[in-house]
């Protein structure tokens, strides 16, 4: 008789109950057994003698294994909190540990004193701020693409099941881990700096799924990780007390003049300097968009950089300064760009 683990037994039980209609929720399929070659190796502890070691800040205790040295000060990270769970996994040839801790609620932080800022995300540069500051994009994948191609070709030539193929796979995994670490380091440092500097941060709600439809820019867009950057900003601003405003994705921040509010009908990506035909403004395209995002996030209504209303006269050329889709019927249903906070659900409130 075959012996099943607890996880396999529960999966088979859920499958049987679901098929007989005795289990609520979505329909469960037959358990799919995972291959050791296709999943991230890892395990977790919730009971037993595991956790921190007193007097040894650079070590963790694992059941049956004992002391394991760590590259960073884990006791400083835990900061006296109770460790509830320890997850251990192997990525890119390196073992990593994640600790789930329980601690008392932190005091409500006061917002930083840096004022407000608008952020325009891009491919060439990671982020351009409304004050002119530019955050460099490391292009993690692009800078390592040649080495990745070489390693992938080397892997494809190895015979399946051989030791050389195993070593080649490990080399590819290390390169992919390096790409992920470079990207994560740049995004975390940028988001941390912004969350600790500015009290109000405004960004756009980008349609990344639609943007990658452009196959010429799809790789660069995914390499920039716009969604991950917004996720980091959401929880980092909640920790520091800063407010994150998310601007509607249909707001024409790049096409709108930050000086007079004129909206261009077309603005190709190759045009890196914004030239306004109405007021003669000449400004960097990304800085212009960041200024418009800052004003839209700080105003209750859709405003341009000089405080102009959304409803403006039709210019001589016949093009509306603000697209009609941004002006629904009046009343309570009217869309407000600065009405919502990107991290309002995570903001702590006093009781």
Protein backbone atom coordinates (compact mmCIF):
# COMPACT_ATOMS: atom_id res chain seq x y z
CA UNK A 1 0.00 0.00 0.00
CA UNK A 2 1.32 3.41 -0.96
CA UNK A 3 1.92 5.90 1.84
CA UNK A 4 0.71 9.46 1.16
CA UNK A 5 1.87 12.60 2.92
CA UNK A 6 -0.57 14.86 4.71
CA UNK A 7 -0.65 17.35 1.85
CA UNK A 8 -1.36 14.65 -0.74
CA UNK A 9 -4.07 13.11 1.47
CA UNK A 10 -5.83 16.47 1.87
CA UNK A 11 -5.63 17.12 -1.87
CA UNK A 12 -7.19 13.75 -2.68
CA UNK A 13 -9.90 14.31 -0.06
CA UNK A 14 -10.74 17.75 -1.46
CA UNK A 15 -10.89 16.30 -4.98
CA UNK A 16 -13.25 13.53 -3.89
CA UNK A 17 -15.56 15.86 -1.95
CA UNK A 18 -15.61 18.38 -4.78
CA UNK A 19 -16.55 15.72 -7.32
CA UNK A 20 -19.41 14.49 -5.09
CA UNK A 21 -20.64 18.03 -4.42
CA UNK A 22 -19.84 17.99 -0.69
CA UNK A 23 -17.22 20.75 -0.85
CA UNK A 24 -17.94 24.46 -1.18
CA UNK A 25 -16.00 26.76 -3.47
CA UNK A 26 -14.50 26.17 -6.88
CA UNK A 27 -14.27 22.69 -8.34
CA UNK A 28 -11.06 20.89 -7.39
CA UNK A 29 -9.12 18.79 -9.88
CA UNK A 30 -7.05 15.69 -9.35
CA UNK A 31 -3.79 16.44 -7.48
CA UNK A 32 -0.84 17.26 -9.71
CA UNK A 33 2.44 16.04 -8.31
CA UNK A 34 5.28 18.52 -8.48
CA UNK A 35 8.61 17.68 -10.05
CA UNK A 36 11.76 18.46 -8.09
CA UNK A 37 13.32 19.89 -11.26
CA UNK A 38 10.52 22.37 -11.97
CA UNK A 39 9.72 23.94 -8.60
CA UNK A 40 11.65 26.11 -6.19
CA UNK A 41 13.06 23.82 -3.49
CA UNK A 42 12.00 24.93 -0.06
CA UNK A 43 10.38 24.04 3.25
CA UNK A 44 8.87 25.82 6.23
CA UNK A 45 8.76 25.51 10.02
CA UNK A 46 5.84 26.47 12.26
CA UNK A 47 6.59 24.20 15.21
CA UNK A 48 9.71 22.92 16.89
CA UNK A 49 12.94 24.55 17.97
CA UNK A 50 13.51 27.17 15.29
CA UNK A 51 14.15 30.89 15.14
CA UNK A 52 16.74 33.29 16.52
CA UNK A 53 19.71 32.37 18.69
CA UNK A 54 20.40 34.54 21.74
CA UNK A 55 23.78 36.24 21.57
CA UNK A 56 24.32 35.20 17.93
CA UNK A 57 22.76 37.87 15.69
CA UNK A 58 24.08 36.38 12.41
CA UNK A 59 22.58 32.93 12.81
CA UNK A 60 19.31 30.99 12.83
CA UNK A 61 18.38 27.70 14.44
CA UNK A 62 16.72 25.03 12.28
CA UNK A 63 15.28 21.80 13.73
CA UNK A 64 17.56 18.75 13.23
CA UNK A 65 20.03 20.98 11.36
CA UNK A 66 21.15 23.30 14.10
CA UNK A 67 22.88 26.64 13.65
CA UNK A 68 22.90 28.17 10.17
CA UNK A 69 25.02 31.25 9.50
CA UNK A 70 23.32 34.27 7.89
CA UNK A 71 24.88 37.08 5.89
CA UNK A 72 22.91 39.81 7.67
CA UNK A 73 21.89 40.69 11.21
CA UNK A 74 18.62 38.79 11.58
CA UNK A 75 18.08 39.83 15.20
CA UNK A 76 18.11 43.48 14.08
CA UNK A 77 15.55 42.67 11.41
CA UNK A 78 13.27 40.88 13.88
CA UNK A 79 13.78 43.68 16.45
CA UNK A 80 12.52 41.68 19.39
CA UNK A 81 9.39 40.37 17.64
CA UNK A 82 8.06 36.84 18.11
CA UNK A 83 8.92 34.52 15.21
CA UNK A 84 5.84 32.54 14.12
CA UNK A 85 7.05 30.92 10.89
CA UNK A 86 10.30 30.34 9.06
CA UNK A 87 10.31 29.68 5.31
CA UNK A 88 13.51 28.41 3.65
CA UNK A 89 13.96 28.33 -0.13
CA UNK A 90 16.74 28.03 -2.67
CA UNK A 91 16.95 30.51 -5.56
CA UNK A 92 19.83 30.91 -7.95
CA UNK A 93 22.03 28.53 -5.99
CA UNK A 94 21.58 30.45 -2.71
CA UNK A 95 19.45 29.57 0.27
CA UNK A 96 17.15 32.29 1.61
CA UNK A 97 15.03 32.51 4.75
CA UNK A 98 11.87 34.49 5.35
CA UNK A 99 10.59 35.11 8.87
CA UNK A 100 6.96 35.77 9.78
CA UNK A 101 6.91 37.72 13.05
CA UNK A 102 4.30 39.12 15.40
CA UNK A 103 4.78 42.53 16.98
CA UNK A 104 2.69 45.31 18.45
CA UNK A 105 1.22 47.97 16.18
CA UNK A 106 3.68 50.70 15.37
CA UNK A 107 2.80 54.33 16.23
CA UNK A 108 1.18 56.40 13.51
CA UNK A 109 4.05 58.07 11.62
CA UNK A 110 4.00 61.74 10.71
CA UNK A 111 4.28 62.44 6.96
CA UNK A 112 7.67 63.54 5.61
CA UNK A 113 8.24 67.26 5.09
CA UNK A 114 9.24 67.14 1.44
CA UNK A 115 5.96 68.42 -0.01
CA UNK A 116 4.32 66.89 -3.08
CA UNK A 117 5.86 65.33 -6.17
CA UNK A 118 4.67 63.78 -9.41
CA UNK A 119 6.37 60.73 -10.91
CA UNK A 120 6.44 59.85 -14.59
CA UNK A 121 7.62 56.28 -15.14
CA UNK A 122 9.51 55.44 -18.30
CA UNK A 123 11.66 52.91 -20.09
CA UNK A 124 14.76 54.99 -20.79
CA UNK A 125 14.82 56.40 -17.25
CA UNK A 126 13.04 54.59 -14.43
CA UNK A 127 11.32 57.67 -12.99
CA UNK A 128 11.32 61.40 -13.68
CA UNK A 129 10.13 63.65 -10.86
CA UNK A 130 8.27 66.91 -11.23
CA UNK A 131 11.21 68.79 -9.64
CA UNK A 132 13.51 67.60 -12.43
CA UNK A 133 15.17 64.73 -10.57
CA UNK A 134 15.80 61.65 -12.73
CA UNK A 135 16.05 58.10 -11.36
CA UNK A 136 18.26 55.94 -13.55
CA UNK A 137 16.94 52.66 -14.92
CA UNK A 138 19.56 49.89 -14.50
CA UNK A 139 18.10 47.86 -17.43
CA UNK A 140 18.79 44.68 -15.49
CA UNK A 141 17.74 42.27 -18.24
CA UNK A 142 19.20 44.22 -21.15
CA UNK A 143 22.62 44.55 -19.51
CA UNK A 144 22.81 40.78 -18.93
CA UNK A 145 21.05 39.61 -22.08
CA UNK A 146 24.23 38.66 -23.95
CA UNK A 147 25.45 36.46 -21.13
CA UNK A 148 22.01 34.92 -20.77
CA UNK A 149 21.86 34.03 -24.47
CA UNK A 150 25.29 32.42 -24.29
CA UNK A 151 24.34 30.42 -21.20
CA UNK A 152 21.04 29.31 -22.76
CA UNK A 153 22.81 28.13 -25.94
CA UNK A 154 25.30 26.24 -23.81
CA UNK A 155 22.45 24.59 -21.90
CA UNK A 156 20.61 23.54 -25.06
CA UNK A 157 23.64 21.57 -26.26
CA UNK A 158 23.91 19.43 -23.14
CA UNK A 159 22.48 15.92 -23.01
CA UNK A 160 19.43 15.60 -20.76
CA UNK A 161 20.14 13.94 -17.44
CA UNK A 162 23.90 14.59 -17.56
CA UNK A 163 25.96 16.36 -14.90
CA UNK A 164 27.07 18.99 -17.38
CA UNK A 165 23.46 19.86 -18.12
CA UNK A 166 22.82 20.20 -14.38
CA UNK A 167 25.75 22.60 -14.09
CA UNK A 168 24.59 24.56 -17.13
CA UNK A 169 21.10 24.91 -15.64
CA UNK A 170 22.61 26.20 -12.42
CA UNK A 171 24.56 28.82 -14.39
CA UNK A 172 21.39 30.03 -16.13
CA UNK A 173 19.58 30.17 -12.80
CA UNK A 174 22.36 32.28 -11.28
CA UNK A 175 22.17 34.76 -14.16
CA UNK A 176 18.41 35.09 -13.83
CA UNK A 177 18.79 35.58 -10.07
CA UNK A 178 21.32 38.34 -10.74
CA UNK A 179 18.87 40.09 -13.07
CA UNK A 180 16.10 39.88 -10.46
CA UNK A 181 18.40 41.16 -7.71
CA UNK A 182 19.60 44.14 -9.77
CA UNK A 183 16.04 45.11 -10.59
CA UNK A 184 14.81 44.65 -7.02
CA UNK A 185 17.71 46.67 -5.58
CA UNK A 186 17.03 49.66 -7.85
CA UNK A 187 13.27 49.62 -7.29
CA UNK A 188 13.54 49.28 -3.52
CA UNK A 189 16.11 52.05 -3.15
CA UNK A 190 14.10 54.43 -5.34
CA UNK A 191 10.78 53.69 -3.60
CA UNK A 192 12.36 54.01 -0.14
CA UNK A 193 13.92 57.37 -0.99
CA UNK A 194 10.60 58.72 -2.30
CA UNK A 195 8.58 57.43 0.67
CA UNK A 196 10.97 59.04 3.17
CA UNK A 197 11.28 62.36 1.32
CA UNK A 198 7.84 63.45 0.04
CA UNK A 199 4.53 63.75 1.87
CA UNK A 200 2.33 63.44 -1.24
CA UNK A 201 3.36 61.22 -4.17
CA UNK A 202 1.35 61.02 -7.38
CA UNK A 203 1.79 58.35 -10.04
CA UNK A 204 -0.17 57.12 -13.04
CA UNK A 205 -2.27 53.97 -13.17
CA UNK A 206 -0.46 52.49 -16.15
CA UNK A 207 -2.06 49.84 -18.35
CA UNK A 208 1.02 47.62 -18.49
CA UNK A 209 -0.87 44.73 -20.10
CA UNK A 210 -1.82 46.99 -22.98
CA UNK A 211 1.62 48.60 -23.22
CA UNK A 212 3.38 45.27 -23.79
CA UNK A 213 1.27 44.85 -26.92
CA UNK A 214 3.95 46.97 -28.61
CA UNK A 215 6.43 44.18 -29.34
CA UNK A 216 9.26 46.62 -29.92
CA UNK A 217 9.02 47.90 -26.34
CA UNK A 218 7.51 44.87 -24.58
CA UNK A 219 10.82 43.55 -23.23
CA UNK A 220 11.95 46.95 -21.98
CA UNK A 221 8.59 47.65 -20.35
CA UNK A 222 8.59 44.35 -18.50
CA UNK A 223 12.23 44.88 -17.53
CA UNK A 224 11.27 48.19 -15.88
CA UNK A 225 8.66 46.44 -13.65
CA UNK A 226 6.18 49.31 -13.32
CA UNK A 227 3.68 47.23 -11.34
CA UNK A 228 6.33 46.15 -8.83
CA UNK A 229 7.42 49.76 -8.38
CA UNK A 230 3.85 50.80 -7.57
CA UNK A 231 3.47 47.86 -5.15
CA UNK A 232 6.62 48.92 -3.30
CA UNK A 233 5.48 52.53 -3.14
CA UNK A 234 2.09 51.47 -1.76
CA UNK A 235 3.37 49.78 1.37
CA UNK A 236 6.46 51.96 1.89
CA UNK A 237 4.41 55.18 1.85
CA UNK A 238 1.96 53.62 4.32
CA UNK A 239 4.86 52.93 6.68
CA UNK A 240 6.25 56.46 6.52
CA UNK A 241 2.89 58.23 6.61
CA UNK A 242 3.16 59.62 3.07
CA UNK A 243 0.08 59.69 0.83
CA UNK A 244 0.11 57.96 -2.55
CA UNK A 245 -2.24 59.32 -5.22
CA UNK A 246 -2.96 57.19 -8.30
CA UNK A 247 -3.97 59.17 -11.39
CA UNK A 248 -6.42 57.77 -13.91
CA UNK A 249 -4.72 55.94 -16.75
CA UNK A 250 -6.64 57.94 -19.37
CA UNK A 251 -5.32 61.28 -18.18
CA UNK A 252 -3.18 62.71 -21.05
CA UNK A 253 -0.24 63.74 -18.88
CA UNK A 254 2.32 63.59 -21.68
CA UNK A 255 0.19 65.41 -24.25
CA UNK A 256 -0.93 68.22 -21.93
CA UNK A 257 1.03 71.46 -21.66
CA UNK A 258 1.98 72.06 -18.04
CA UNK A 259 1.91 75.83 -18.62
CA UNK A 260 -1.36 76.55 -20.43
CA UNK A 261 -3.23 73.23 -20.44
CA UNK A 262 -3.31 72.68 -24.21
CA UNK A 263 -3.62 69.02 -25.20
CA UNK A 264 -1.91 67.79 -28.34
CA UNK A 265 -3.75 65.39 -30.61
CA UNK A 266 -0.62 63.28 -31.18
CA UNK A 267 2.75 63.04 -29.49
CA UNK A 268 5.10 60.36 -30.89
CA UNK A 269 7.57 58.63 -28.60
CA UNK A 270 10.47 59.95 -30.66
CA UNK A 271 9.62 63.52 -29.63
CA UNK A 272 11.53 63.86 -26.35
CA UNK A 273 11.01 67.64 -25.92
CA UNK A 274 7.48 68.98 -25.52
CA UNK A 275 6.83 72.05 -27.67
CA UNK A 276 3.56 73.89 -27.09
CA UNK A 277 2.18 75.76 -30.11
CA UNK A 278 -0.12 77.89 -27.93
CA UNK A 279 2.24 79.39 -25.32
CA UNK A 280 5.63 78.46 -26.79
CA UNK A 281 6.71 76.28 -23.86
CA UNK A 282 9.69 73.99 -24.53
CA UNK A 283 10.31 71.43 -21.79
CA UNK A 284 11.50 67.87 -21.42
CA UNK A 285 8.67 65.49 -22.23
CA UNK A 286 8.99 63.43 -19.02
CA UNK A 287 9.31 66.47 -16.74
CA UNK A 288 6.21 67.97 -18.35
CA UNK A 289 4.25 64.78 -17.70
CA UNK A 290 5.50 64.60 -14.10
CA UNK A 291 4.34 68.18 -13.42
CA UNK A 292 0.88 67.39 -14.76
CA UNK A 293 0.71 64.22 -12.65
CA UNK A 294 1.71 66.18 -9.53
CA UNK A 295 -1.02 68.79 -10.04
CA UNK A 296 -3.65 66.20 -10.94
CA UNK A 297 -2.88 64.22 -7.80
CA UNK A 298 -3.02 67.21 -5.46
CA UNK A 299 -6.23 68.75 -6.85
CA UNK A 300 -9.79 67.55 -6.20
CA UNK A 301 -10.69 68.24 -9.82
CA UNK A 302 -8.85 67.71 -13.07
CA UNK A 303 -6.51 70.73 -13.20
CA UNK A 304 -3.56 71.68 -15.30
CA UNK A 305 -0.32 72.99 -13.83
CA UNK A 306 -1.66 76.55 -13.62
CA UNK A 307 -4.93 75.59 -11.97
CA UNK A 308 -7.09 75.71 -15.11
CA UNK A 309 -10.48 74.02 -15.11
CA UNK A 310 -11.22 70.88 -17.06
CA UNK A 311 -13.77 72.68 -19.17
CA UNK A 312 -11.95 74.96 -21.56
CA UNK A 313 -12.79 76.65 -24.81
CA UNK A 314 -12.25 74.82 -28.06
CA UNK A 315 -9.03 76.11 -29.70
CA UNK A 316 -8.86 77.35 -33.26
CA UNK A 317 -7.56 74.05 -34.58
CA UNK A 318 -10.77 72.31 -33.50
CA UNK A 319 -9.15 69.96 -30.96
CA UNK A 320 -10.43 69.92 -27.40
CA UNK A 321 -7.76 70.75 -24.82
CA UNK A 322 -9.03 67.89 -22.69
CA UNK A 323 -10.37 64.70 -24.31
CA UNK A 324 -14.11 64.20 -24.10
CA UNK A 325 -13.72 60.80 -22.43
CA UNK A 326 -12.21 62.60 -19.41
CA UNK A 327 -15.36 64.72 -19.00
CA UNK A 328 -18.36 62.51 -18.21
CA UNK A 329 -21.75 63.92 -17.36
CA UNK A 330 -21.86 66.27 -14.41
CA UNK A 331 -22.95 65.43 -10.91
CA UNK A 332 -21.64 63.01 -8.34
CA UNK A 333 -20.48 60.51 -10.98
CA UNK A 334 -17.88 62.89 -12.44
CA UNK A 335 -14.35 61.41 -12.40
CA UNK A 336 -11.86 63.12 -10.11
CA UNK A 337 -8.19 62.51 -10.73
CA UNK A 338 -6.97 63.34 -7.25
CA UNK A 339 -9.87 61.83 -5.35
CA UNK A 340 -8.35 58.47 -4.50
CA UNK A 341 -5.26 57.51 -2.53
CA UNK A 342 -3.17 54.63 -3.73
CA UNK A 343 -2.39 53.48 -0.19
CA UNK A 344 -5.52 54.56 1.67
CA UNK A 345 -6.37 50.96 2.56
CA UNK A 346 -2.96 50.52 4.23
CA UNK A 347 -2.89 53.82 6.13
CA UNK A 348 -2.96 53.30 9.89
CA UNK A 349 -5.62 55.10 11.90
CA UNK A 350 -5.77 55.85 15.59
CA UNK A 351 -8.53 54.38 17.68
